[in-house]
Every structure is written in structure tokens, then in C-alpha cells.
Amino acid sequence: MIAEHVGEAAVPDIEAWANAIIRSEDDSVRATESYHDADSNTYVIRLARGARVLLFRLSEAQVHTSGREPECEKILRNRVGEVRRLLGRVG
């Protein structure tokens, strides 16, 4: 389980979790300005590198279900790789 809190209250926990993983992959990428989208029951995470941003979503089930953290971590690591490939180096 990534966060015990639900809704918008879980966002700081999710960002802290994401940033800890991201630092091990690429220290120029950060999870910033994330939010809970109640309409789709997802958490939108913004990965930023300089002025460029890539958005992705984790479902409430992924975030709040025990044992799904490895799956979420794999998704996050893949998204960091996409940021590197798609957005390139920011100087």
C-alpha cells in the first residue's frame, strides 16, 4: 500500500513515494503538482524535468491495495524512462 490516506489527503504520501523512487532512476526528474481526480478515481502524477511535464495516472485500487506497490513502482520507473526518451536532456 502506497498511501493510507484517501483522496487529496493521499497526494503528499504518493509524491514522497514517487520522488524516492525517481531519485534512484534520474535525479533531474521530480513528481510535482500531483492531484486526486475523483471523477476517474485516479491519482494524476506529474513528472517534471525542467519546464517539461509528463502526466500519468495510478488508480485508487493500485495505491490503496496491499501488495500492489511493486506494480506501481514498475509503472513509475517506466514513466521515468519515457521522460528521458521523450523529453530528452534539459540543459
C-alpha atoms as a PDB file:
ATOM      1  CA  MET A   1       0.000   0.000   0.000  1.00  0.00           C
ATOM      2  CA  ILE A   2       1.465   3.333  -1.065  1.00  0.00           C
ATOM      3  CA  ALA A   3      -0.820   5.579   0.993  1.00  0.00           C
ATOM      4  CA  GLU A   4      -3.142   5.016   3.920  1.00  0.00           C
ATOM      5  CA  HIS A   5      -4.927   8.305   3.360  1.00  0.00           C
ATOM      6  CA  VAL A   6      -7.536   8.597   0.645  1.00  0.00           C
ATOM      7  CA  GLY A   7      -8.419  11.284  -1.869  1.00  0.00           C
ATOM      8  CA  GLU A   8      -6.474  14.518  -1.870  1.00  0.00           C
ATOM      9  CA  ALA A   9      -5.016  13.675   1.583  1.00  0.00           C
ATOM     10  CA  ALA A  10      -3.010  10.843  -0.028  1.00  0.00           C
ATOM     11  CA  VAL A  11      -1.267  13.082  -2.581  1.00  0.00           C
ATOM     12  CA  PRO A  12       1.686  14.119  -0.350  1.00  0.00           C
ATOM     13  CA  ASP A  13       2.340  10.448   0.514  1.00  0.00           C
ATOM     14  CA  ILE A  14       2.208   9.460  -3.154  1.00  0.00           C
ATOM     15  CA  GLU A  15       4.546  12.290  -4.181  1.00  0.00           C
ATOM     16  CA  ALA A  16       7.047  11.371  -1.449  1.00  0.00           C
ATOM     17  CA  TRP A  17       6.928   7.701  -2.503  1.00  0.00           C
ATOM     18  CA  ALA A  18       7.334   8.650  -6.169  1.00  0.00           C
ATOM     19  CA  ASN A  19      10.217  11.060  -5.554  1.00  0.00           C
ATOM     20  CA  ALA A  20      12.134   8.448  -3.538  1.00  0.00           C
ATOM     21  CA  ILE A  21      11.928   6.015  -6.473  1.00  0.00           C
ATOM     22  CA  ILE A  22      12.609   8.684  -9.089  1.00  0.00           C
ATOM     23  CA  ARG A  23      15.802   9.829  -7.330  1.00  0.00           C
ATOM     24  CA  SER A  24      17.216   6.325  -7.793  1.00  0.00           C
ATOM     25  CA  GLU A  25      16.454   6.492 -11.545  1.00  0.00           C
ATOM     26  CA  ASP A  26      17.130  10.089 -12.591  1.00  0.00           C
ATOM     27  CA  ASP A  27      17.792  12.982 -10.226  1.00  0.00           C
ATOM     28  CA  SER A  28      16.660  15.557 -12.820  1.00  0.00           C
ATOM     29  CA  VAL A  29      13.032  14.328 -12.750  1.00  0.00           C
ATOM     30  CA  ARG A  30      10.564  15.216  -9.976  1.00  0.00           C
ATOM     31  CA  ALA A  31       6.948  14.332  -9.150  1.00  0.00           C
ATOM     32  CA  THR A  32       5.242  17.691  -8.752  1.00  0.00           C
ATOM     33  CA  GLU A  33       1.755  19.165  -8.526  1.00  0.00           C
ATOM     34  CA  SER A  34       0.010  15.804  -8.389  1.00  0.00           C
ATOM     35  CA  TYR A  35      -3.688  15.586  -7.572  1.00  0.00           C
ATOM     36  CA  HIS A  36      -6.583  13.217  -6.964  1.00  0.00           C
ATOM     37  CA  ASP A  37      -9.157  13.056  -9.768  1.00  0.00           C
ATOM     38  CA  ALA A  38     -12.359  11.992  -8.025  1.00  0.00           C
ATOM     39  CA  ASP A  39     -14.275  11.650 -11.316  1.00  0.00           C
ATOM     40  CA  SER A  40     -11.981   8.864 -12.559  1.00  0.00           C
ATOM     41  CA  ASN A  41     -10.885   7.525  -9.136  1.00  0.00           C
ATOM     42  CA  THR A  42      -7.241   8.050 -10.049  1.00  0.00           C
ATOM     43  CA  TYR A  43      -4.219   9.941  -8.815  1.00  0.00           C
ATOM     44  CA  VAL A  44      -2.622  12.057 -11.527  1.00  0.00           C
ATOM     45  CA  ILE A  45       1.120  12.349 -11.082  1.00  0.00           C
ATOM     46  CA  ARG A  46       3.070  14.991 -12.950  1.00  0.00           C
ATOM     47  CA  LEU A  47       6.648  14.074 -13.726  1.00  0.00           C
ATOM     48  CA  ALA A  48       8.611  17.222 -14.442  1.00  0.00           C
ATOM     49  CA  ARG A  49      12.036  17.662 -15.956  1.00  0.00           C
ATOM     50  CA  GLY A  50      12.833  21.332 -16.219  1.00  0.00           C
ATOM     51  CA  ALA A  51       9.822  23.026 -17.798  1.00  0.00           C
ATOM     52  CA  ARG A  52       8.590  19.805 -19.419  1.00  0.00           C
ATOM     53  CA  VAL A  53       5.919  17.573 -17.909  1.00  0.00           C
ATOM     54  CA  LEU A  54       4.610  14.036 -18.457  1.00  0.00           C
ATOM     55  CA  LEU A  55       1.323  13.060 -16.761  1.00  0.00           C
ATOM     56  CA  PHE A  56       0.339   9.556 -15.738  1.00  0.00           C
ATOM     57  CA  ARG A  57      -2.289   8.010 -13.514  1.00  0.00           C
ATOM     58  CA  LEU A  58      -2.440   5.404 -10.782  1.00  0.00           C
ATOM     59  CA  SER A  59      -5.839   4.046  -9.804  1.00  0.00           C
ATOM     60  CA  GLU A  60      -7.124   4.242  -6.254  1.00  0.00           C
ATOM     61  CA  ALA A  61      -7.034   0.428  -6.200  1.00  0.00           C
ATOM     62  CA  GLN A  62      -3.333   0.414  -7.096  1.00  0.00           C
ATOM     63  CA  VAL A  63      -2.498   2.987  -4.439  1.00  0.00           C
ATOM     64  CA  HIS A  64      -4.628   1.575  -1.616  1.00  0.00           C
ATOM     65  CA  THR A  65      -4.358  -2.211  -2.096  1.00  0.00           C
ATOM     66  CA  SER A  66      -1.740  -4.195  -0.211  1.00  0.00           C
ATOM     67  CA  GLY A  67       0.774  -5.942  -2.434  1.00  0.00           C
ATOM     68  CA  ARG A  68       0.380  -3.651  -5.453  1.00  0.00           C
ATOM     69  CA  GLU A  69       3.316  -1.383  -4.637  1.00  0.00           C
ATOM     70  CA  PRO A  70       5.794  -3.368  -6.837  1.00  0.00           C
ATOM     71  CA  GLU A  71       3.419  -2.998  -9.793  1.00  0.00           C
ATOM     72  CA  CYS A  72       3.162   0.764  -9.191  1.00  0.00           C
ATOM     73  CA  GLU A  73       6.923   1.060  -8.821  1.00  0.00           C
ATOM     74  CA  LYS A  74       7.439  -0.699 -12.157  1.00  0.00           C
ATOM     75  CA  ILE A  75       4.969   1.676 -13.826  1.00  0.00           C
ATOM     76  CA  LEU A  76       6.720   4.678 -12.296  1.00  0.00           C
ATOM     77  CA  ARG A  77      10.182   3.501 -13.385  1.00  0.00           C
ATOM     78  CA  ASN A  78       8.841   3.003 -16.928  1.00  0.00           C
ATOM     79  CA  ARG A  79       7.406   6.525 -16.930  1.00  0.00           C
ATOM     80  CA  VAL A  80      10.742   7.982 -15.792  1.00  0.00           C
ATOM     81  CA  GLY A  81      12.327   6.175 -18.746  1.00  0.00           C
ATOM     82  CA  GLU A  82       9.711   7.738 -21.032  1.00  0.00           C
ATOM     83  CA  VAL A  83      10.526  11.171 -19.671  1.00  0.00           C
ATOM     84  CA  ARG A  84      14.191  10.599 -20.504  1.00  0.00           C
ATOM     85  CA  ARG A  85      13.397   9.346 -24.020  1.00  0.00           C
ATOM     86  CA  LEU A  86      10.596  11.707 -24.973  1.00  0.00           C
ATOM     87  CA  LEU A  87      11.714  14.882 -23.301  1.00  0.00           C
ATOM     88  CA  GLY A  88      15.454  14.471 -23.699  1.00  0.00           C
ATOM     89  CA  ARG A  89      18.097  16.305 -21.764  1.00  0.00           C
ATOM     90  CA  VAL A  90      17.202  19.726 -20.393  1.00  0.00           C
ATOM     91  CA  GLY A  91      20.238  21.917 -20.080  1.00  0.00           C
END
